[in-house]
Amino acid sequence: MPKNRWTTRVLAVAATAAALATALPVTASARTAHGPETTTLPLPSLTVLTDKPGAARGGDLFVAPSSAKPAYASGVEILSADGRRVVWSHAVPAGQEAADFRKQTYRGRPVLTWWQGSGLGGVSQGVDYVYNDRYQKVAEVRAGNGYAADGHEFLITPQGTALILAYQQTTADLRSIGGPADQKVIDGVVQEVDIRTGRVLFEWSAADHVPYAQSEQPLPASSATPWDWFHVNAVKQDTDGSLLVDARNTWTTYDVSRRTGAIRWQLGGRASSFEPAAAPGQRLNTARTLFAWQHDPEPLGHNLYSFFDNESAGIANTGTGALSELPYSRVDTVRLDPRTHTATLVRSVAQPSGLSASSQGNAQTLRDGALVVGWGSLPYVSEFGASGALLFSAEFPAGVNTYRAYRFDWR
């Protein structure tokens, strides 16, 4: 695949604390292969809807608003804890978008990271960026072996490597599942890349390990229309060092051996290694699965995991609308029991207005047990207390959303 190459210049900001206390102008310039390109459009702001005592203990808000509206630019923003003031922002050129903006640690130092490119949600192409706490670029990460980096995940490991994703269009013989012999398909690829050298240390392809029959995505009417059967959207490092690979279109999270690439267990979907169960007062999705069209599995330790449970993929994606049972999106916390092979839904936090996010979304568990949620294709960001009470909520303008949302303590 061809790679997009560009360099980015961020806004000049003063290094003093006084300057950081002032909202910055949201403009940016970039040089692409076609020459310099500048946007002076503003990034969209958040309107705070709920702000109760106890919220915002986890620090500033990190969002990457993407806008289909011509009045706004897309880019990355750090907002004050109450969501009302811009701490730092960076707009990307027209035709590009940013995703997965967050604070991470690289070589022992706090850094800002995000993906920037085009085509998020399809066969996307982009670059992952690492900036230091003086807002200077210190590294770029590109997919290797001819792939282009996708924006669904950019995770720096304690080993100084990057876990990233890529999509590849190929052709598959699907006659065994009632499809054509020459169906175009979109495969999901996971890579671990050494940030310093760019060397690919690990690569995993969904088609090599997962049967096409596990997909919940209907076959397209034409073999020439690419079938997004897997749709990889996350890769995490589990507490034991294995990788959690999430696929929206199989309704499944896979635990993958980092040494062999073999699937050790899988949760959800048509071939789950665990029988779903519900704690008192909780409700499963269906009799055979915990979640549907989900995103962002997060290992919490002690066999606990959280998931952003979309419960919908939208009419345009599935052809028949939401195929799952629940009419709203939510965040699920699940306990796995390897001995009994059961998966118990122990906590569920619903979208406050009972709405359904047809794509995207994440949930970040803070140290005090609070939960920060980016509602994906819906224009909302929320924070819930450890008891499940809504403490904070804010809304972007119509037509704007952020793929993920986080809180971090940032200096």
Protein backbone atom coordinates (compact mmCIF):
# COMPACT_ATOMS: atom_id res chain seq x y z
CA MET A 1 0.00 0.00 0.00
CA PRO A 2 1.25 3.50 -0.66
CA LYS A 3 2.06 5.58 2.39
CA ASN A 4 1.08 9.14 3.07
CA ARG A 5 4.11 11.19 4.12
CA TRP A 6 3.87 14.55 5.69
CA THR A 7 5.39 16.58 8.48
CA THR A 8 3.41 18.58 10.96
CA ARG A 9 4.17 21.84 12.71
CA VAL A 10 2.27 22.43 15.92
CA LEU A 11 1.16 25.71 17.41
CA ALA A 12 3.80 27.73 19.14
CA VAL A 13 3.05 27.83 22.85
CA ALA A 14 4.75 29.61 25.72
CA ALA A 15 6.55 27.41 28.21
CA THR A 16 5.28 29.19 31.28
CA ALA A 17 2.40 28.07 33.43
CA ALA A 18 0.70 31.38 32.76
CA ALA A 19 0.59 30.67 29.05
CA LEU A 20 -0.81 27.21 29.64
CA ALA A 21 -3.66 28.77 31.62
CA THR A 22 -4.80 30.66 28.51
CA ALA A 23 -6.86 29.14 25.72
CA LEU A 24 -4.73 28.77 22.61
CA PRO A 25 -5.79 29.75 19.10
CA VAL A 26 -6.81 26.64 17.22
CA THR A 27 -4.93 26.88 13.95
CA ALA A 28 -2.32 24.69 12.33
CA SER A 29 -0.29 24.39 9.19
CA ALA A 30 1.14 21.33 7.52
CA ARG A 31 3.15 20.43 4.45
CA THR A 32 1.90 17.51 2.40
CA ALA A 33 3.07 15.87 -0.79
CA HIS A 34 1.02 18.46 -2.67
CA GLY A 35 2.63 21.45 -0.99
CA PRO A 36 1.75 23.59 2.05
CA GLU A 37 -1.77 23.48 3.34
CA THR A 38 -3.18 25.63 6.12
CA THR A 39 -6.43 25.62 8.05
CA THR A 40 -7.63 28.50 10.19
CA LEU A 41 -10.93 26.85 11.09
CA PRO A 42 -11.59 26.42 14.81
CA LEU A 43 -11.79 23.06 16.49
CA PRO A 44 -15.28 22.46 17.92
CA SER A 45 -15.85 23.17 21.60
CA LEU A 46 -17.68 21.12 24.23
CA THR A 47 -20.88 22.27 25.87
CA VAL A 48 -20.99 21.05 29.47
CA LEU A 49 -24.33 19.50 30.37
CA THR A 50 -23.60 17.97 33.80
CA ASP A 51 -20.85 18.85 36.29
CA LYS A 52 -21.37 17.48 39.80
CA PRO A 53 -19.03 17.41 42.80
CA GLY A 54 -16.56 14.55 42.57
CA ALA A 55 -16.03 14.80 38.81
CA ALA A 56 -12.76 15.62 37.07
CA ARG A 57 -10.47 14.00 39.63
CA GLY A 58 -8.69 12.17 36.81
CA GLY A 59 -7.30 15.32 35.18
CA ASP A 60 -7.72 17.12 31.90
CA LEU A 61 -9.87 15.85 29.03
CA PHE A 62 -8.14 14.44 25.94
CA VAL A 63 -10.31 14.37 22.80
CA ALA A 64 -9.80 14.21 19.05
CA PRO A 65 -12.88 15.86 17.53
CA SER A 66 -13.65 14.86 13.97
CA SER A 67 -16.05 17.05 12.06
CA ALA A 68 -18.08 16.54 8.94
CA LYS A 69 -19.13 20.18 9.21
CA PRO A 70 -17.32 22.73 7.01
CA ALA A 71 -17.33 25.20 9.91
CA TYR A 72 -14.89 23.16 12.02
CA ALA A 73 -11.44 21.64 11.70
CA SER A 74 -10.55 18.16 12.94
CA GLY A 75 -7.65 17.61 15.31
CA VAL A 76 -6.59 16.94 18.89
CA GLU A 77 -7.35 18.90 22.06
CA ILE A 78 -6.45 18.93 25.73
CA LEU A 79 -9.30 20.58 27.61
CA SER A 80 -9.34 21.67 31.23
CA ALA A 81 -10.88 19.28 33.73
CA ASP A 82 -14.25 21.05 33.55
CA GLY A 83 -14.20 20.91 29.73
CA ARG A 84 -14.56 24.67 29.35
CA ARG A 85 -11.03 25.80 28.46
CA VAL A 86 -8.46 24.74 25.86
CA VAL A 87 -5.08 23.84 27.37
CA TRP A 88 -3.49 22.84 24.03
CA SER A 89 -4.80 22.00 20.60
CA HIS A 90 -3.59 21.01 17.17
CA ALA A 91 -5.74 21.07 14.04
CA VAL A 92 -4.93 18.77 11.12
CA PRO A 93 -5.13 19.73 7.43
CA ALA A 94 -8.42 19.52 5.56
CA GLY A 95 -9.07 15.99 4.35
CA GLN A 96 -7.31 14.41 7.32
CA GLU A 97 -8.47 13.43 10.78
CA ALA A 98 -6.90 12.46 14.09
CA ALA A 99 -7.74 9.64 16.48
CA ASP A 100 -6.76 7.97 19.75
CA PHE A 101 -5.23 11.10 21.31
CA ARG A 102 -3.87 10.45 24.79
CA LYS A 103 -1.04 10.76 27.26
CA GLN A 104 1.40 7.83 27.38
CA THR A 105 4.94 7.12 28.60
CA TYR A 106 7.88 6.71 26.24
CA ARG A 107 11.45 6.14 27.44
CA GLY A 108 10.41 7.12 30.95
CA ARG A 109 8.89 10.47 29.96
CA PRO A 110 5.27 11.63 29.55
CA VAL A 111 4.32 12.10 25.90
CA LEU A 112 1.30 12.95 23.77
CA THR A 113 0.37 10.45 21.08
CA TRP A 114 -2.17 10.28 18.27
CA TRP A 115 -2.81 8.89 14.80
CA GLN A 116 -3.25 11.27 11.87
CA GLY A 117 -4.37 10.35 8.38
CA SER A 118 -7.39 9.57 6.25
CA GLY A 119 -9.96 6.83 5.86
CA LEU A 120 -10.54 5.89 9.51
CA GLY A 121 -13.18 3.18 9.57
CA GLY A 122 -12.15 1.82 6.16
CA VAL A 123 -8.83 0.90 4.57
CA SER A 124 -7.14 3.89 6.19
CA GLN A 125 -3.66 5.34 5.75
CA GLY A 126 -1.80 7.40 8.29
CA VAL A 127 1.07 7.91 10.70
CA ASP A 128 1.28 7.70 14.50
CA TYR A 129 2.92 10.67 16.23
CA VAL A 130 4.74 11.07 19.56
CA TYR A 131 5.19 14.58 21.04
CA ASN A 132 7.00 15.47 24.25
CA ASP A 133 5.68 17.68 27.07
CA ARG A 134 7.07 20.75 25.29
CA TYR A 135 4.84 19.96 22.29
CA GLN A 136 7.76 18.90 20.09
CA LYS A 137 7.67 15.85 17.85
CA VAL A 138 10.07 13.17 19.09
CA ALA A 139 9.00 10.13 17.05
CA GLU A 140 6.84 8.83 14.23
CA VAL A 141 5.57 5.27 13.95
CA ARG A 142 4.63 3.74 10.61
CA ALA A 143 3.33 0.29 9.86
CA GLY A 144 5.87 -2.06 8.31
CA ASN A 145 5.87 -4.75 5.61
CA GLY A 146 3.99 -2.59 3.12
CA TYR A 147 1.01 -1.75 5.34
CA ALA A 148 -0.30 1.69 6.36
CA ALA A 149 -1.11 2.49 9.97
CA ASP A 150 -4.79 2.57 10.91
CA GLY A 151 -6.12 4.99 13.52
CA HIS A 152 -8.06 2.63 15.80
CA GLU A 153 -5.10 1.99 18.14
CA PHE A 154 -1.69 3.42 18.98
CA LEU A 155 -0.50 1.93 22.27
CA ILE A 156 3.04 2.30 23.63
CA THR A 157 4.14 -0.68 25.72
CA PRO A 158 6.46 -0.58 28.74
CA GLN A 159 9.07 -2.16 26.48
CA GLY A 160 9.20 0.95 24.26
CA THR A 161 7.34 -0.69 21.39
CA ALA A 162 4.10 0.35 19.70
CA LEU A 163 1.04 -1.82 19.18
CA ILE A 164 -0.73 -0.65 16.02
CA LEU A 165 -3.31 -1.87 13.51
CA ALA A 166 -3.61 -2.00 9.73
CA TYR A 167 -6.18 -3.11 7.16
CA GLN A 168 -5.47 -5.06 3.97
CA GLN A 169 -7.77 -5.79 1.03
CA THR A 170 -7.39 -9.30 -0.37
CA THR A 171 -9.51 -11.96 -2.12
CA ALA A 172 -10.92 -15.07 -0.41
CA ASP A 173 -12.73 -18.23 -1.43
CA LEU A 174 -15.95 -18.17 0.62
CA ARG A 175 -17.82 -21.08 -0.97
CA SER A 176 -17.67 -22.99 2.34
CA ILE A 177 -19.95 -20.37 3.91
CA GLY A 178 -22.19 -19.84 0.90
CA GLY A 179 -20.21 -17.03 -0.68
CA PRO A 180 -18.36 -16.63 -3.99
CA ALA A 181 -14.94 -18.06 -4.80
CA ASP A 182 -13.45 -14.64 -5.44
CA GLN A 183 -14.89 -12.38 -2.74
CA LYS A 184 -12.92 -9.24 -1.96
CA VAL A 185 -12.35 -9.07 1.80
CA ILE A 186 -10.77 -6.65 4.26
CA ASP A 187 -8.33 -8.37 6.59
CA GLY A 188 -7.24 -7.05 10.00
CA VAL A 189 -3.53 -6.89 10.86
CA VAL A 190 -1.83 -6.32 14.22
CA GLN A 191 1.80 -5.23 14.44
CA GLU A 192 4.24 -4.57 17.26
CA VAL A 193 6.83 -2.06 16.05
CA ASP A 194 10.04 -0.93 17.71
CA ILE A 195 9.56 2.84 17.93
CA ARG A 196 13.24 3.71 17.77
CA THR A 197 14.14 1.57 14.74
CA GLY A 198 10.79 1.01 13.01
CA ARG A 199 11.42 -2.74 12.93
CA VAL A 200 8.33 -5.00 13.01
CA LEU A 201 8.74 -7.37 15.96
CA PHE A 202 5.38 -9.17 15.71
CA GLU A 203 2.67 -9.42 13.08
CA TRP A 204 -0.70 -11.14 13.25
CA SER A 205 -3.35 -11.46 10.54
CA ALA A 206 -6.98 -12.25 11.35
CA ALA A 207 -7.47 -14.38 8.24
CA ASP A 208 -4.65 -16.71 9.36
CA HIS A 209 -6.30 -17.48 12.70
CA VAL A 210 -10.06 -16.77 12.62
CA PRO A 211 -12.62 -18.57 10.41
CA TYR A 212 -14.71 -16.32 8.17
CA ALA A 213 -17.78 -18.11 9.54
CA GLN A 214 -17.38 -16.24 12.85
CA SER A 215 -18.39 -12.94 11.22
CA GLU A 216 -21.70 -11.27 12.07
CA GLN A 217 -21.38 -8.99 9.05
CA PRO A 218 -23.61 -10.03 6.13
CA LEU A 219 -21.96 -10.78 2.82
CA PRO A 220 -22.26 -7.98 0.25
CA ALA A 221 -24.39 -8.46 -2.85
CA SER A 222 -21.36 -8.38 -5.14
CA SER A 223 -18.03 -10.17 -4.86
CA ALA A 224 -16.39 -6.94 -6.01
CA THR A 225 -17.60 -5.11 -2.89
CA PRO A 226 -15.03 -5.62 -0.11
CA TRP A 227 -16.45 -7.58 2.82
CA ASP A 228 -15.31 -6.10 6.14
CA TRP A 229 -15.75 -9.41 7.91
CA PHE A 230 -13.46 -8.82 10.93
CA HIS A 231 -12.92 -5.06 11.47
CA VAL A 232 -10.09 -5.10 13.98
CA ASN A 233 -10.44 -2.05 16.25
CA ALA A 234 -8.17 -2.55 19.27
CA VAL A 235 -5.07 -4.29 20.54
CA LYS A 236 -4.07 -4.20 24.22
CA GLN A 237 -1.38 -5.81 26.34
CA ASP A 238 -3.04 -8.06 28.92
CA THR A 239 -1.70 -8.33 32.46
CA ASP A 240 0.15 -11.56 31.60
CA GLY A 241 1.80 -10.07 28.49
CA SER A 242 -0.50 -11.63 25.89
CA LEU A 243 -2.40 -9.45 23.43
CA LEU A 244 -6.12 -8.68 23.45
CA VAL A 245 -7.28 -8.23 19.85
CA ASP A 246 -10.81 -6.92 19.37
CA ALA A 247 -12.98 -7.40 16.29
CA ARG A 248 -16.22 -5.46 15.95
CA ASN A 249 -17.71 -7.61 13.20
CA THR A 250 -17.25 -10.97 14.93
CA TRP A 251 -18.49 -9.60 18.30
CA THR A 252 -15.34 -11.12 19.81
CA THR A 253 -12.20 -10.27 21.78
CA TYR A 254 -9.32 -12.69 21.16
CA ASP A 255 -6.48 -13.42 23.58
CA VAL A 256 -3.43 -13.95 21.35
CA SER A 257 -0.08 -15.48 22.27
CA ARG A 258 2.69 -12.97 21.67
CA ARG A 259 5.11 -15.83 21.02
CA THR A 260 3.16 -17.98 18.55
CA GLY A 261 0.20 -15.84 17.43
CA ALA A 262 -2.18 -18.62 18.45
CA ILE A 263 -5.56 -17.72 19.95
CA ARG A 264 -5.55 -18.86 23.58
CA TRP A 265 -9.17 -17.95 24.30
CA GLN A 266 -11.93 -15.80 22.89
CA LEU A 267 -14.81 -13.96 24.49
CA GLY A 268 -18.11 -13.22 22.79
CA GLY A 269 -19.41 -14.10 19.35
CA ARG A 270 -20.09 -17.47 17.79
CA ALA A 271 -17.20 -19.46 19.32
CA SER A 272 -16.69 -18.03 22.80
CA SER A 273 -14.46 -19.93 25.21
CA PHE A 274 -16.67 -18.73 28.08
CA GLU A 275 -20.34 -19.25 28.85
CA PRO A 276 -21.96 -15.85 29.49
CA ALA A 277 -23.66 -15.19 32.79
CA ALA A 278 -25.10 -12.14 34.52
CA ALA A 279 -24.78 -10.97 38.08
CA PRO A 280 -28.04 -10.05 39.85
CA GLY A 281 -29.56 -6.93 38.33
CA GLN A 282 -27.47 -7.09 35.12
CA ARG A 283 -28.76 -7.93 31.66
CA LEU A 284 -26.98 -9.88 28.94
CA ASN A 285 -27.15 -8.90 25.30
CA THR A 286 -28.55 -12.24 24.11
CA ALA A 287 -28.51 -15.78 25.40
CA ARG A 288 -25.19 -16.47 23.67
CA THR A 289 -23.09 -13.35 24.00
CA LEU A 290 -22.26 -10.49 26.34
CA PHE A 291 -21.84 -7.68 23.81
CA ALA A 292 -22.28 -6.78 20.15
CA TRP A 293 -20.27 -4.62 17.70
CA GLN A 294 -18.03 -3.74 20.68
CA HIS A 295 -14.84 -1.66 21.03
CA ASP A 296 -11.96 -1.10 23.44
CA PRO A 297 -11.38 -4.16 25.67
CA GLU A 298 -9.40 -3.00 28.71
CA PRO A 299 -7.68 -5.40 31.13
CA LEU A 300 -8.34 -4.27 34.71
CA GLY A 301 -6.51 -7.07 36.51
CA HIS A 302 -7.76 -10.06 38.53
CA ASN A 303 -9.59 -11.42 35.45
CA LEU A 304 -11.69 -8.27 35.12
CA TYR A 305 -12.17 -6.58 31.74
CA SER A 306 -14.19 -3.61 30.53
CA PHE A 307 -15.71 -3.23 27.05
CA PHE A 308 -17.48 -0.48 25.16
CA ASP A 309 -20.61 -2.32 24.05
CA ASN A 310 -22.01 -0.51 21.00
CA GLU A 311 -24.98 -2.87 20.49
CA SER A 312 -25.34 -1.48 16.96
CA ALA A 313 -23.38 -1.06 13.76
CA GLY A 314 -25.92 1.10 11.93
CA ILE A 315 -28.16 0.30 9.00
CA ALA A 316 -25.55 1.24 6.40
CA ASN A 317 -23.07 -1.26 7.87
CA THR A 318 -25.21 -4.31 8.52
CA GLY A 319 -27.89 -3.92 5.89
CA THR A 320 -30.57 -4.79 8.44
CA GLY A 321 -29.87 -2.35 11.26
CA ALA A 322 -28.97 -3.32 14.79
CA LEU A 323 -29.04 -7.12 15.07
CA SER A 324 -28.54 -7.29 18.81
CA GLU A 325 -31.10 -7.16 21.57
CA LEU A 326 -30.31 -4.05 23.62
CA PRO A 327 -31.54 -0.70 22.23
CA TYR A 328 -28.71 1.39 23.73
CA SER A 329 -24.92 1.45 24.06
CA ARG A 330 -23.23 0.80 27.38
CA VAL A 331 -19.96 -0.03 29.15
CA ASP A 332 -19.67 -3.60 30.43
CA THR A 333 -17.34 -4.92 33.14
CA VAL A 334 -16.87 -8.68 32.88
CA ARG A 335 -15.19 -11.19 35.19
CA LEU A 336 -13.70 -14.29 33.57
CA ASP A 337 -13.38 -17.57 35.45
CA PRO A 338 -10.84 -19.78 33.61
CA ARG A 339 -11.73 -22.73 35.87
CA THR A 340 -15.46 -22.82 35.13
CA HIS A 341 -15.17 -21.14 31.70
CA THR A 342 -17.80 -18.57 32.61
CA ALA A 343 -17.89 -14.85 31.90
CA THR A 344 -20.01 -12.88 34.35
CA LEU A 345 -21.30 -9.40 33.59
CA VAL A 346 -20.71 -7.67 36.93
CA ARG A 347 -21.35 -4.03 35.99
CA SER A 348 -23.13 -2.21 33.20
CA VAL A 349 -23.27 1.56 32.68
CA ALA A 350 -25.78 2.66 30.05
CA GLN A 351 -25.65 5.65 27.74
CA PRO A 352 -27.36 8.36 29.84
CA SER A 353 -29.99 9.22 27.22
CA GLY A 354 -30.55 5.63 26.13
CA LEU A 355 -28.88 6.26 22.75
CA SER A 356 -27.04 3.85 20.48
CA ALA A 357 -23.53 4.54 19.11
CA SER A 358 -23.27 2.83 15.74
CA SER A 359 -19.46 3.02 15.74
CA GLN A 360 -16.39 3.94 17.82
CA GLY A 361 -16.30 4.50 21.59
CA ASN A 362 -14.16 3.72 24.64
CA ALA A 363 -14.17 3.50 28.43
CA GLN A 364 -11.31 4.45 30.76
CA THR A 365 -11.38 3.26 34.36
CA LEU A 366 -9.71 5.77 36.70
CA ARG A 367 -7.83 4.90 39.88
CA ASP A 368 -10.77 5.83 42.12
CA GLY A 369 -13.11 3.56 40.16
CA ALA A 370 -14.69 6.36 38.15
CA LEU A 371 -15.37 5.72 34.48
CA VAL A 372 -14.67 8.13 31.60
CA VAL A 373 -16.60 7.28 28.45
CA GLY A 374 -16.31 8.59 24.91
CA TRP A 375 -19.56 7.68 23.19
CA GLY A 376 -18.04 7.21 19.74
CA SER A 377 -20.29 8.30 16.89
CA LEU A 378 -22.52 10.08 19.40
CA PRO A 379 -21.29 13.62 20.23
CA TYR A 380 -20.99 12.98 23.99
CA VAL A 381 -18.34 12.53 26.68
CA SER A 382 -19.32 11.31 30.17
CA GLU A 383 -17.83 10.51 33.55
CA PHE A 384 -19.48 8.15 36.03
CA GLY A 385 -18.58 7.69 39.69
CA ALA A 386 -17.59 4.34 41.13
CA SER A 387 -21.25 3.82 42.10
CA GLY A 388 -22.41 4.42 38.53
CA ALA A 389 -23.82 7.91 39.12
CA LEU A 390 -23.38 10.38 36.27
CA LEU A 391 -20.96 13.10 37.45
CA PHE A 392 -19.99 14.85 34.21
CA SER A 393 -21.34 15.04 30.69
CA ALA A 394 -20.58 17.27 27.74
CA GLU A 395 -21.67 17.52 24.13
CA PHE A 396 -19.96 18.46 20.88
CA PRO A 397 -21.90 20.33 18.17
CA ALA A 398 -24.06 18.21 15.86
CA GLY A 399 -21.97 16.37 13.29
CA VAL A 400 -18.89 16.21 15.54
CA ASN A 401 -17.61 13.22 17.52
CA THR A 402 -14.41 11.90 19.07
CA TYR A 403 -13.31 8.32 18.45
CA ARG A 404 -12.12 8.02 22.05
CA ALA A 405 -12.03 10.29 25.13
CA TYR A 406 -9.74 10.18 28.16
CA ARG A 407 -8.77 12.01 31.33
CA PHE A 408 -5.09 12.45 32.25
CA ASP A 409 -3.11 14.56 34.68
CA TRP A 410 -1.06 16.73 32.32
CA ARG A 411 1.66 19.28 33.06
